[in-house]
N, C-alpha and C. Protein backbone atom coordinates (compact mmCIF):
# COMPACT_ATOMS: atom_id res chain seq x y z
N MET A 1 -165.83 69.39 -66.11
CA MET A 1 -164.54 68.82 -65.75
C MET A 1 -163.45 69.86 -66.00
N LEU A 2 -162.60 70.05 -65.02
CA LEU A 2 -161.50 71.00 -65.15
C LEU A 2 -160.39 70.43 -66.01
N SER A 3 -159.76 71.30 -66.74
CA SER A 3 -158.56 70.92 -67.47
C SER A 3 -157.56 72.05 -67.28
N PRO A 4 -156.27 71.74 -67.43
CA PRO A 4 -155.25 72.77 -67.20
C PRO A 4 -155.39 73.93 -68.20
N THR A 5 -155.04 75.11 -67.72
CA THR A 5 -155.00 76.28 -68.59
C THR A 5 -153.75 76.20 -69.47
N GLN A 6 -153.72 77.02 -70.49
CA GLN A 6 -152.53 77.04 -71.36
C GLN A 6 -151.28 77.42 -70.57
N ARG A 7 -151.43 78.34 -69.64
CA ARG A 7 -150.28 78.75 -68.82
C ARG A 7 -149.80 77.59 -67.95
N GLN A 8 -150.74 76.85 -67.36
CA GLN A 8 -150.36 75.69 -66.55
C GLN A 8 -149.66 74.65 -67.42
N LEU A 9 -150.16 74.42 -68.62
CA LEU A 9 -149.52 73.46 -69.51
C LEU A 9 -148.11 73.91 -69.89
N SER A 10 -147.92 75.21 -70.05
CA SER A 10 -146.58 75.74 -70.34
C SER A 10 -145.64 75.45 -69.18
N MET A 11 -146.15 75.63 -67.96
CA MET A 11 -145.33 75.36 -66.78
C MET A 11 -144.97 73.88 -66.69
N VAL A 12 -145.93 73.02 -66.97
CA VAL A 12 -145.68 71.57 -66.94
C VAL A 12 -144.61 71.21 -67.99
N GLU A 13 -144.73 71.79 -69.17
CA GLU A 13 -143.76 71.51 -70.23
C GLU A 13 -142.35 71.93 -69.82
N LEU A 14 -142.24 73.10 -69.23
CA LEU A 14 -140.93 73.58 -68.78
C LEU A 14 -140.38 72.70 -67.65
N ALA A 15 -141.24 72.28 -66.75
CA ALA A 15 -140.81 71.39 -65.67
C ALA A 15 -140.36 70.04 -66.25
N ASP A 16 -141.08 69.55 -67.26
CA ASP A 16 -140.70 68.30 -67.91
C ASP A 16 -139.34 68.39 -68.57
N ARG A 17 -138.96 69.59 -68.98
CA ARG A 17 -137.64 69.81 -69.59
C ARG A 17 -136.53 69.89 -68.55
N GLY A 18 -136.93 69.86 -67.28
CA GLY A 18 -135.94 69.88 -66.20
C GLY A 18 -135.68 71.24 -65.60
N MET A 19 -136.48 72.23 -65.96
CA MET A 19 -136.28 73.56 -65.39
C MET A 19 -136.74 73.59 -63.94
N THR A 20 -136.04 74.37 -63.13
CA THR A 20 -136.42 74.55 -61.73
C THR A 20 -137.60 75.51 -61.64
N LEU A 21 -138.21 75.55 -60.47
CA LEU A 21 -139.31 76.49 -60.24
C LEU A 21 -138.85 77.92 -60.49
N GLN A 22 -137.65 78.23 -60.05
CA GLN A 22 -137.10 79.58 -60.22
C GLN A 22 -136.92 79.90 -61.71
N GLN A 23 -136.43 78.94 -62.47
CA GLN A 23 -136.22 79.15 -63.90
C GLN A 23 -137.55 79.32 -64.63
N ILE A 24 -138.54 78.52 -64.25
CA ILE A 24 -139.86 78.63 -64.87
C ILE A 24 -140.46 80.00 -64.57
N ALA A 25 -140.37 80.42 -63.30
CA ALA A 25 -140.91 81.72 -62.91
C ALA A 25 -140.24 82.85 -63.69
N ALA A 26 -138.92 82.79 -63.82
CA ALA A 26 -138.19 83.82 -64.55
C ALA A 26 -138.58 83.81 -66.03
N ARG A 27 -138.71 82.65 -66.61
CA ARG A 27 -139.06 82.53 -68.03
C ARG A 27 -140.44 83.11 -68.31
N LEU A 28 -141.38 82.87 -67.39
CA LEU A 28 -142.76 83.31 -67.61
C LEU A 28 -143.08 84.67 -66.98
N GLY A 29 -142.13 85.21 -66.22
CA GLY A 29 -142.34 86.52 -65.61
C GLY A 29 -143.36 86.51 -64.48
N VAL A 30 -143.34 85.43 -63.71
CA VAL A 30 -144.24 85.30 -62.57
C VAL A 30 -143.43 84.93 -61.34
N SER A 31 -144.08 84.88 -60.18
CA SER A 31 -143.35 84.53 -58.96
C SER A 31 -143.20 83.01 -58.84
N VAL A 32 -142.23 82.60 -58.06
CA VAL A 32 -142.02 81.18 -57.78
C VAL A 32 -143.24 80.61 -57.07
N THR A 33 -143.81 81.39 -56.17
CA THR A 33 -145.01 80.95 -55.45
C THR A 33 -146.16 80.66 -56.42
N PHE A 34 -146.32 81.51 -57.43
CA PHE A 34 -147.36 81.30 -58.43
C PHE A 34 -147.13 80.00 -59.18
N VAL A 35 -145.88 79.75 -59.57
CA VAL A 35 -145.55 78.51 -60.29
C VAL A 35 -145.85 77.30 -59.39
N GLN A 36 -145.43 77.35 -58.14
CA GLN A 36 -145.70 76.25 -57.20
C GLN A 36 -147.20 75.98 -57.10
N ARG A 37 -147.96 77.03 -56.94
CA ARG A 37 -149.41 76.90 -56.78
C ARG A 37 -150.06 76.29 -58.03
N GLU A 38 -149.66 76.78 -59.20
CA GLU A 38 -150.27 76.29 -60.43
C GLU A 38 -149.87 74.84 -60.73
N LEU A 39 -148.62 74.49 -60.46
CA LEU A 39 -148.21 73.09 -60.66
C LEU A 39 -148.92 72.17 -59.66
N ALA A 40 -149.15 72.67 -58.45
CA ALA A 40 -149.90 71.88 -57.47
C ALA A 40 -151.33 71.66 -57.94
N ARG A 41 -151.91 72.67 -58.56
CA ARG A 41 -153.28 72.52 -59.09
C ARG A 41 -153.32 71.45 -60.19
N VAL A 42 -152.31 71.46 -61.06
CA VAL A 42 -152.25 70.44 -62.12
C VAL A 42 -152.08 69.06 -61.49
N ALA A 43 -151.23 68.96 -60.47
CA ALA A 43 -151.01 67.68 -59.79
C ALA A 43 -152.33 67.17 -59.20
N CYS A 44 -153.13 68.07 -58.65
CA CYS A 44 -154.44 67.67 -58.11
C CYS A 44 -155.35 67.14 -59.21
N MET A 45 -155.30 67.77 -60.38
CA MET A 45 -156.10 67.29 -61.52
C MET A 45 -155.68 65.88 -61.92
N VAL A 46 -154.36 65.63 -61.90
CA VAL A 46 -153.86 64.30 -62.24
C VAL A 46 -154.33 63.29 -61.20
N LEU A 47 -154.19 63.62 -59.92
CA LEU A 47 -154.60 62.72 -58.85
C LEU A 47 -156.11 62.47 -58.85
N ASP A 48 -156.87 63.48 -59.23
CA ASP A 48 -158.33 63.34 -59.30
C ASP A 48 -158.78 62.58 -60.53
N GLY A 49 -157.86 62.38 -61.47
CA GLY A 49 -158.21 61.67 -62.70
C GLY A 49 -158.89 62.54 -63.74
N THR A 50 -158.85 63.86 -63.55
CA THR A 50 -159.49 64.75 -64.52
C THR A 50 -158.54 65.21 -65.62
N TYR A 51 -157.25 64.90 -65.47
CA TYR A 51 -156.26 65.28 -66.48
C TYR A 51 -155.19 64.20 -66.54
N THR A 52 -154.90 63.76 -67.74
CA THR A 52 -153.83 62.78 -67.96
C THR A 52 -152.76 63.44 -68.81
N PRO A 53 -151.62 63.74 -68.22
CA PRO A 53 -150.56 64.41 -68.99
C PRO A 53 -149.93 63.49 -70.02
N THR A 54 -149.31 64.10 -71.01
CA THR A 54 -148.57 63.35 -72.01
C THR A 54 -147.40 62.64 -71.32
N PRO A 55 -147.17 61.37 -71.64
CA PRO A 55 -146.05 60.66 -71.00
C PRO A 55 -144.70 61.29 -71.36
N LEU A 56 -143.79 61.25 -70.41
CA LEU A 56 -142.43 61.70 -70.65
C LEU A 56 -141.71 60.68 -71.52
N PRO A 57 -140.68 61.10 -72.26
CA PRO A 57 -139.94 60.15 -73.10
C PRO A 57 -139.44 58.93 -72.33
N ILE A 58 -139.01 59.11 -71.09
CA ILE A 58 -138.52 57.97 -70.31
C ILE A 58 -139.66 57.01 -69.96
N GLU A 59 -140.87 57.55 -69.77
CA GLU A 59 -142.02 56.70 -69.51
C GLU A 59 -142.39 55.89 -70.75
N VAL A 60 -142.31 56.51 -71.90
CA VAL A 60 -142.57 55.83 -73.17
C VAL A 60 -141.55 54.73 -73.37
N ALA A 61 -140.28 55.01 -73.08
CA ALA A 61 -139.22 54.02 -73.25
C ALA A 61 -139.44 52.84 -72.31
N ALA A 62 -139.90 53.11 -71.09
CA ALA A 62 -140.12 52.03 -70.14
C ALA A 62 -141.22 51.09 -70.63
N VAL A 63 -142.26 51.68 -71.22
CA VAL A 63 -143.37 50.87 -71.73
C VAL A 63 -142.93 50.06 -72.94
N ARG A 64 -142.09 50.65 -73.78
CA ARG A 64 -141.63 49.98 -75.00
C ARG A 64 -140.40 49.11 -74.76
N GLY A 65 -139.93 49.05 -73.56
CA GLY A 65 -138.75 48.24 -73.27
C GLY A 65 -137.46 48.86 -73.72
N GLY A 66 -137.39 50.19 -73.71
CA GLY A 66 -136.14 50.88 -74.03
C GLY A 66 -136.07 51.35 -75.47
N ASP A 67 -137.08 51.10 -76.29
CA ASP A 67 -137.06 51.52 -77.68
C ASP A 67 -137.61 52.93 -77.78
N VAL A 68 -136.71 53.92 -77.87
CA VAL A 68 -137.10 55.32 -77.94
C VAL A 68 -136.82 55.85 -79.35
N ALA A 69 -137.84 56.41 -79.97
CA ALA A 69 -137.65 57.02 -81.29
C ALA A 69 -136.93 58.35 -81.12
N HIS A 70 -135.97 58.61 -82.00
CA HIS A 70 -135.21 59.86 -81.92
C HIS A 70 -135.67 60.81 -82.98
């Protein structure tokens, strides 16, 4: 079963923080095309059910009915 690489997980984390593809690419020293391709691979893993990402804070709040720990 495939799982995301550490680099892919770093890209997902940066995207979760709201960074653009351009910002992620600049931060990691790679091309925007590379970031797009790697995030698409992670998205395929999610759709295939082989990877379940950590929920975003807003997703946690929705499940808990708005109760977000700070």
